[in-house]
Protein backbone atom coordinates (compact mmCIF):
# COMPACT_ATOMS: atom_id res chain seq x y z
CA UNK A 1 22.13 -29.58 -11.55
CA UNK A 2 18.85 -29.40 -9.63
CA UNK A 3 17.48 -32.48 -11.41
CA UNK A 4 20.69 -34.39 -10.62
CA UNK A 5 20.37 -33.59 -6.91
CA UNK A 6 16.75 -34.73 -6.92
CA UNK A 7 17.72 -38.00 -8.61
CA UNK A 8 20.38 -38.58 -5.95
CA UNK A 9 17.79 -37.92 -3.23
CA UNK A 10 15.34 -40.45 -4.71
CA UNK A 11 18.12 -43.00 -5.11
CA UNK A 12 19.21 -42.62 -1.47
CA UNK A 13 15.67 -42.91 -0.07
CA UNK A 14 14.90 -45.90 -2.30
CA UNK A 15 18.06 -47.90 -1.53
CA UNK A 16 18.01 -47.04 2.17
CA UNK A 17 14.38 -48.05 2.58
CA UNK A 18 15.05 -51.34 0.78
CA UNK A 19 17.88 -52.36 3.13
CA UNK A 20 16.15 -51.08 6.29
CA UNK A 21 12.98 -53.09 5.67
CA UNK A 22 14.95 -56.12 4.50
CA UNK A 23 17.16 -56.15 7.62
CA UNK A 24 14.24 -55.64 10.01
CA UNK A 25 11.98 -58.33 8.57
CA UNK A 26 14.58 -60.56 6.88
CA UNK A 27 12.60 -60.92 3.67
CA UNK A 28 13.51 -59.96 0.11
CA UNK A 29 9.82 -59.52 -0.76
CA UNK A 30 9.33 -57.02 2.04
CA UNK A 31 12.58 -55.38 0.95
CA UNK A 32 10.94 -54.78 -2.46
CA UNK A 33 8.01 -53.15 -0.68
CA UNK A 34 10.52 -50.99 1.20
CA UNK A 35 12.02 -49.96 -2.16
CA UNK A 36 8.61 -48.79 -3.38
CA UNK A 37 8.03 -46.92 -0.13
CA UNK A 38 11.44 -45.25 -0.42
CA UNK A 39 10.65 -44.17 -3.97
CA UNK A 40 7.35 -42.67 -2.75
CA UNK A 41 9.13 -40.88 0.10
CA UNK A 42 11.62 -39.31 -2.32
CA UNK A 43 8.78 -38.16 -4.58
CA UNK A 44 6.89 -36.61 -1.64
CA UNK A 45 10.02 -34.79 -0.48
CA UNK A 46 10.50 -33.25 -3.95
CA UNK A 47 6.84 -32.15 -4.05
CA UNK A 48 7.13 -30.65 -0.57
CA UNK A 49 10.26 -28.78 -1.69
CA UNK A 50 8.36 -27.27 -4.65
CA UNK A 51 5.59 -26.07 -2.32
CA UNK A 52 8.04 -24.61 0.21
CA UNK A 53 9.68 -22.50 -2.50
CA UNK A 54 6.57 -20.30 -2.59
CA UNK A 55 6.36 -19.90 1.20
CA UNK A 56 8.02 -16.73 2.58
CA UNK A 57 11.14 -17.45 4.61
CA UNK A 58 9.88 -15.62 7.69
CA UNK A 59 6.75 -17.83 7.67
CA UNK A 60 8.92 -20.96 7.70
CA UNK A 61 11.08 -19.58 10.52
CA UNK A 62 8.02 -18.54 12.54
CA UNK A 63 6.34 -21.93 12.07
CA UNK A 64 9.43 -23.86 13.15
CA UNK A 65 10.01 -21.56 16.11
CA UNK A 66 6.41 -21.99 17.28
CA UNK A 67 6.66 -25.76 16.80
CA UNK A 68 9.87 -26.09 18.86
CA UNK A 69 8.59 -23.88 21.68
CA UNK A 70 5.26 -25.72 21.86
CA UNK A 71 6.99 -29.12 21.99
CA UNK A 72 9.27 -27.89 24.79
CA UNK A 73 6.22 -26.71 26.74
CA UNK A 74 4.51 -30.04 26.10
CA UNK A 75 7.58 -31.92 27.32
CA UNK A 76 7.74 -29.85 30.52
CA UNK A 77 4.02 -30.37 31.08
CA UNK A 78 4.32 -34.14 30.64
CA UNK A 79 7.47 -34.61 32.70
CA UNK A 80 6.49 -32.36 35.61
CA UNK A 81 2.74 -32.61 35.90
CA UNK A 82 1.19 -35.32 33.77
CA UNK A 83 3.45 -38.18 34.89
CA UNK A 84 2.53 -37.50 38.49
CA UNK A 85 -1.18 -37.73 37.66
CA UNK A 86 -1.36 -40.68 35.26
CA UNK A 87 1.56 -42.79 36.48
CA UNK A 88 -0.76 -45.72 37.17
CA UNK A 89 -2.68 -45.48 33.86
CA UNK A 90 -1.47 -48.07 31.29
CA UNK A 91 -2.29 -45.97 28.18
CA UNK A 92 0.36 -43.28 28.69
CA UNK A 93 1.77 -43.54 25.11
CA UNK A 94 -1.46 -42.48 23.32
CA UNK A 95 -1.83 -39.63 25.80
CA UNK A 96 1.75 -38.49 25.04
CA UNK A 97 1.08 -38.63 21.31
CA UNK A 98 -2.15 -36.64 21.68
CA UNK A 99 -0.58 -33.89 23.79
CA UNK A 100 2.52 -33.56 21.59
CA UNK A 101 0.37 -33.47 18.45
CA UNK A 102 -2.02 -30.80 19.80
CA UNK A 103 0.76 -28.60 21.15
CA UNK A 104 2.85 -29.03 18.00
CA UNK A 105 -0.09 -28.13 15.77
CA UNK A 106 -0.99 -25.04 17.81
CA UNK A 107 2.63 -23.85 17.94
CA UNK A 108 3.10 -24.37 14.19
CA UNK A 109 -0.08 -22.48 13.25
CA UNK A 110 0.31 -19.64 15.73
CA UNK A 111 3.96 -19.17 14.79
CA UNK A 112 3.07 -18.94 11.09
CA UNK A 113 0.30 -16.39 11.71
CA UNK A 114 2.13 -14.18 14.18
CA UNK A 115 5.28 -13.95 12.08
CA UNK A 116 3.30 -12.17 9.35
CA UNK A 117 2.82 -9.18 11.68
CA UNK A 118 6.50 -8.88 12.57
CA UNK A 119 8.98 -6.67 10.74
CA UNK A 120 12.07 -8.88 10.74
CA UNK A 121 13.97 -6.50 8.47
CA UNK A 122 15.03 -4.47 11.51
CA UNK A 123 17.04 -7.40 12.80
CA UNK A 124 20.53 -7.67 11.23
CA UNK A 125 20.18 -11.44 10.91
CA UNK A 126 17.02 -11.20 8.79
CA UNK A 127 17.63 -7.98 6.88
CA UNK A 128 18.91 -9.62 3.71
CA UNK A 129 16.26 -12.35 3.94
CA UNK A 130 13.43 -9.80 3.97
CA UNK A 131 14.93 -7.93 1.04
CA UNK A 132 15.26 -11.08 -1.05
CA UNK A 133 11.63 -12.08 -0.54
CA UNK A 134 10.17 -8.95 -2.14
CA UNK A 135 13.02 -7.86 -4.41
CA UNK A 136 12.22 -5.98 -7.59
CA UNK A 137 15.14 -5.56 -9.97
CA UNK A 138 14.69 -2.27 -11.83
CA UNK A 139 15.49 -2.00 -15.53
CA UNK A 140 16.93 1.08 -17.23
CA UNK A 141 13.73 1.66 -19.20
CA UNK A 142 11.60 1.76 -16.03
CA UNK A 143 14.02 4.23 -14.40
CA UNK A 144 14.05 6.62 -17.36
CA UNK A 145 10.28 6.30 -17.78
CA UNK A 146 9.81 7.72 -14.27
CA UNK A 147 6.22 6.63 -13.65
CA UNK A 148 7.30 4.03 -11.10
CA UNK A 149 8.45 6.83 -8.77
CA UNK A 150 4.96 8.35 -8.94
CA UNK A 151 3.41 4.95 -8.15
CA UNK A 152 5.72 4.51 -5.15
CA UNK A 153 4.69 7.88 -3.73
CA UNK A 154 1.07 6.68 -3.57
CA UNK A 155 2.04 3.67 -1.45
CA UNK A 156 0.61 1.11 -3.88
CA UNK A 157 4.12 -0.22 -4.61
CA UNK A 158 6.36 -1.37 -1.79
CA UNK A 159 9.25 -3.69 -1.12
CA UNK A 160 12.92 -3.56 -2.05
CA UNK A 161 14.13 -2.08 -5.33
CA UNK A 162 17.41 -3.58 -6.53
CA UNK A 163 19.39 -1.35 -8.92
CA UNK A 164 22.47 -3.17 -10.26
CA UNK A 165 25.63 -1.19 -10.93
CA UNK A 166 25.51 -2.08 -14.63
CA UNK A 167 22.05 -0.46 -14.89
CA UNK A 168 23.31 2.62 -13.04
CA UNK A 169 26.28 2.84 -15.43
CA UNK A 170 23.92 2.61 -18.41
CA UNK A 171 21.75 5.46 -17.09
CA UNK A 172 24.86 7.53 -16.43
CA UNK A 173 26.16 6.81 -19.92
CA UNK A 174 22.86 8.03 -21.41
CA UNK A 175 23.03 11.17 -19.24
CA UNK A 176 26.53 11.91 -20.63
CA UNK A 177 25.42 11.49 -24.24
CA UNK A 178 26.18 14.19 -26.82
CA UNK A 179 22.60 14.02 -28.11
CA UNK A 180 20.35 16.50 -26.24
CA UNK A 181 17.36 14.15 -26.24
CA UNK A 182 19.26 11.19 -24.81
CA UNK A 183 21.06 13.40 -22.32
CA UNK A 184 17.74 14.76 -21.03
CA UNK A 185 16.32 11.25 -20.65
CA UNK A 186 19.42 10.06 -18.82
CA UNK A 187 19.37 12.97 -16.38
CA UNK A 188 15.70 12.35 -15.71
CA UNK A 189 16.61 8.73 -14.90
CA UNK A 190 19.17 9.89 -12.33
CA UNK A 191 16.54 12.19 -10.80
CA UNK A 192 14.11 9.25 -10.61
CA UNK A 193 16.69 7.14 -8.72
CA UNK A 194 17.17 10.03 -6.30
CA UNK A 195 13.38 10.24 -5.79
CA UNK A 196 13.14 6.50 -5.17
CA UNK A 197 15.85 6.70 -2.50
CA UNK A 198 13.73 9.23 -0.61
CA UNK A 199 10.61 7.03 -0.63
CA UNK A 200 9.21 5.70 2.62
CA UNK A 201 7.33 2.74 1.12
CA UNK A 202 10.28 1.24 -0.79
CA UNK A 203 13.88 0.52 0.03
CA UNK A 204 16.47 1.08 -2.70
CA UNK A 205 19.64 -1.02 -2.77
CA UNK A 206 22.39 -0.50 -5.33
CA UNK A 207 24.20 -3.83 -5.67
CA UNK A 208 27.49 -4.66 -7.29
CA UNK A 209 26.47 -7.99 -8.83
CA UNK A 210 27.85 -8.47 -12.32
CA UNK A 211 28.13 -11.23 -14.87
CA UNK A 212 31.31 -10.61 -16.92
CA UNK A 213 30.57 -13.42 -19.37
CA UNK A 214 27.25 -11.78 -20.31
CA UNK A 215 27.52 -8.68 -22.50
CA UNK A 216 23.87 -7.65 -22.86
CA UNK A 217 22.23 -5.71 -20.01
CA UNK A 218 18.91 -7.52 -20.45
CA UNK A 219 20.63 -10.90 -20.14
CA UNK A 220 22.40 -9.74 -16.98
CA UNK A 221 19.08 -8.60 -15.50
CA UNK A 222 17.53 -12.02 -16.09
CA UNK A 223 20.56 -13.77 -14.58
CA UNK A 224 20.41 -11.49 -11.52
CA UNK A 225 16.67 -12.10 -11.11
CA UNK A 226 17.32 -15.85 -11.08
CA UNK A 227 20.17 -15.45 -8.60
CA UNK A 228 18.11 -13.36 -6.17
CA UNK A 229 14.78 -15.07 -6.93
CA UNK A 230 13.36 -11.61 -7.62
CA UNK A 231 11.11 -9.91 -10.17
CA UNK A 232 12.14 -7.61 -13.02
CA UNK A 233 10.51 -4.19 -13.12
CA UNK A 234 10.51 -2.83 -16.68
CA UNK A 235 8.48 -1.38 -19.55
CA UNK A 236 10.60 -3.03 -22.24
CA UNK A 237 8.36 -5.36 -24.26
CA UNK A 238 11.21 -7.57 -25.55
CA UNK A 239 12.78 -7.98 -22.09
CA UNK A 240 9.35 -8.82 -20.73
CA UNK A 241 8.87 -11.69 -23.20
CA UNK A 242 12.41 -13.08 -22.92
CA UNK A 243 12.27 -13.05 -19.11
CA UNK A 244 8.90 -14.83 -19.06
CA UNK A 245 10.24 -17.50 -21.41
CA UNK A 246 13.03 -18.15 -18.90
CA UNK A 247 10.64 -18.40 -15.96
CA UNK A 248 11.35 -14.97 -14.44
CA UNK A 249 8.38 -12.97 -13.16
CA UNK A 250 8.06 -9.51 -14.72
CA UNK A 251 6.27 -6.37 -13.50
CA UNK A 252 5.54 -4.28 -16.60
CA UNK A 253 4.86 -0.58 -15.99
CA UNK A 254 2.95 -0.28 -19.28
CA UNK A 255 0.62 -3.11 -18.29
CA UNK A 256 0.00 -1.43 -14.95
CA UNK A 257 -0.83 1.88 -16.64
CA UNK A 258 -3.16 0.15 -19.11
CA UNK A 259 -5.02 -1.72 -16.37
CA UNK A 260 -5.61 1.51 -14.46
CA UNK A 261 -7.15 3.35 -17.40
CA UNK A 262 -10.91 3.82 -17.06
CA UNK A 263 -13.06 1.65 -19.29
CA UNK A 264 -14.44 3.44 -22.35
CA UNK A 265 -17.47 1.97 -24.10
CA UNK A 266 -18.97 2.66 -27.52
CA UNK A 267 -21.51 5.46 -27.35
CA UNK A 268 -19.63 7.53 -24.75
CA UNK A 269 -19.07 11.24 -25.37
CA UNK A 270 -15.69 12.91 -25.00
CA UNK A 271 -13.82 16.02 -26.05
CA UNK A 272 -10.42 15.98 -27.75
CA UNK A 273 -8.22 18.31 -29.75
CA UNK A 274 -7.32 17.21 -33.28
CA UNK A 275 -3.51 17.29 -33.31
CA UNK A 276 -2.58 15.76 -36.67
CA UNK A 277 -3.87 14.00 -39.76
CA UNK A 278 -4.67 10.29 -39.74
CA UNK A 279 -3.51 7.60 -42.15
CA UNK A 280 -6.88 7.17 -43.81
CA UNK A 281 -8.53 9.86 -45.89
CA UNK A 282 -10.29 12.50 -43.79
CA UNK A 283 -9.17 11.09 -40.43
CA UNK A 284 -7.94 13.31 -37.62
CA UNK A 285 -5.88 12.20 -34.62
CA UNK A 286 -6.37 13.46 -31.06
CA UNK A 287 -5.05 12.34 -27.68
CA UNK A 288 -6.52 11.95 -24.21
CA UNK A 289 -4.71 13.27 -21.14
CA UNK A 290 -3.16 9.83 -20.51
CA UNK A 291 -1.78 9.65 -24.06
CA UNK A 292 -4.43 7.35 -25.53
CA UNK A 293 -4.83 7.94 -29.28
CA UNK A 294 -8.28 8.93 -30.55
CA UNK A 295 -8.90 8.40 -34.28
CA UNK A 296 -11.80 10.62 -35.45
CA UNK A 297 -13.46 10.16 -38.85
CA UNK A 298 -13.80 13.25 -41.10
CA UNK A 299 -11.91 15.44 -38.60
CA UNK A 300 -8.89 16.37 -40.72
CA UNK A 301 -10.58 19.65 -41.64
CA UNK A 302 -10.75 20.54 -37.91
CA UNK A 303 -6.99 20.31 -37.33
CA UNK A 304 -5.99 22.27 -34.21
CA UNK A 305 -9.54 22.55 -32.86
CA UNK A 306 -11.19 20.88 -29.85
CA UNK A 307 -14.20 18.82 -30.92
CA UNK A 308 -16.91 16.73 -29.27
CA UNK A 309 -16.86 13.13 -30.44
CA UNK A 310 -18.73 9.88 -29.81
CA UNK A 311 -16.82 6.61 -29.33
CA UNK A 312 -17.63 3.95 -31.93
CA UNK A 313 -15.10 1.24 -30.93
CA UNK A 314 -12.06 0.58 -28.74
CA UNK A 315 -9.04 -1.45 -29.85
CA UNK A 316 -6.77 -2.90 -27.16
CA UNK A 317 -3.26 -3.91 -28.31
CA UNK A 318 -0.07 -4.96 -26.53
CA UNK A 319 1.38 -1.50 -27.10
CA UNK A 320 -1.65 0.37 -25.74
CA UNK A 321 -5.24 1.33 -26.46
CA UNK A 322 -6.74 3.09 -29.49
CA UNK A 323 -10.16 4.74 -29.56
CA UNK A 324 -12.12 5.20 -32.77
CA UNK A 325 -14.77 7.90 -32.81
CA UNK A 326 -16.99 10.06 -34.98
CA UNK A 327 -17.84 13.71 -34.73
CA UNK A 328 -20.81 14.26 -32.49
CA UNK A 329 -22.89 15.84 -35.27
CA UNK A 330 -22.35 12.86 -37.58
CA UNK A 331 -22.91 10.28 -34.84
CA UNK A 332 -26.24 11.78 -33.80
CA UNK A 333 -27.46 11.39 -37.35
CA UNK A 334 -26.44 7.72 -37.55
CA UNK A 335 -27.09 6.31 -34.08
CA UNK A 336 -30.05 6.28 -31.74
CA UNK A 337 -29.17 7.66 -28.34
CA UNK A 338 -31.29 6.79 -25.29
CA UNK A 339 -33.15 9.46 -23.35
CA UNK A 340 -30.38 9.69 -20.75
CA UNK A 341 -27.94 10.93 -23.40
CA UNK A 342 -30.44 13.58 -24.53
CA UNK A 343 -31.04 14.60 -20.92
CA UNK A 344 -27.28 14.82 -20.34
CA UNK A 345 -26.93 17.14 -23.34
CA UNK A 346 -29.75 19.37 -22.05
CA UNK A 347 -28.02 19.64 -18.65
CA UNK A 348 -24.79 20.67 -20.38
């Protein structure tokens, strides 16, 4: 549909330019030049439209408001003052053009800059516009996960959270499940929604948009994101990929958590408790406080004990990070450690 409208636009500008130039100059050759110019005008309009899609609505409104006000001031200045001064000067047209251009430019730029500092969401006319610009549509998985509420409390996440009714129904259905595990997760999701509604940095809106022809919740979320021109907030890997394939921007909670983890380099010392046996012979598995798995060679015999280990390598995957390590005693026999490591051990 969008391509069809653009084709109609190009056709109108092309045909109109052809006849305008032909009628003015009375020449078919110049009419052909007008056709080319009309085609170029249509192309430039489409390109300008694509650029304007990324500009916030309040910036556009502020720029146009500043432009109109500055042109009105310029008109008053010219009609009341300037005409009385330069009425005998023969070059009044270039002076008009210069004054209108300078005032229009200043009004456009100042309006765009000053609008950024205004909170238009307090005005009823602009409330829905502000919400749509920074809308984040929350998935069931992100609600049940709960970490997004913690991130909002820090103030790093702000904007408008859109929770569709079909997502709320899904969380409620999980909370009413007969399985204790699912019921606990569902109730935690309801508690997370309640916490989000109390946040000062985000605004939560529960909307009644639905798509009866679509049965899957993930498909409905993508359709709603396209309708509102918003982003999907989730930690579902499959939804993330499908949404990106359809051109919808996704905020993945797991990616955020991974990016905030401190960098761990080979040779670093750490302490972990061996919780279970590994897949390979002799391996033991431990976990850091953030849930990162630590695979320790020859640690199966130390099951249930806290041990000092040395990192040998770090593997980063789409599902998270894995750390491979060796027991400190073994590592010291195989690797050379600089003097700062020895000094650190003496301090300990």
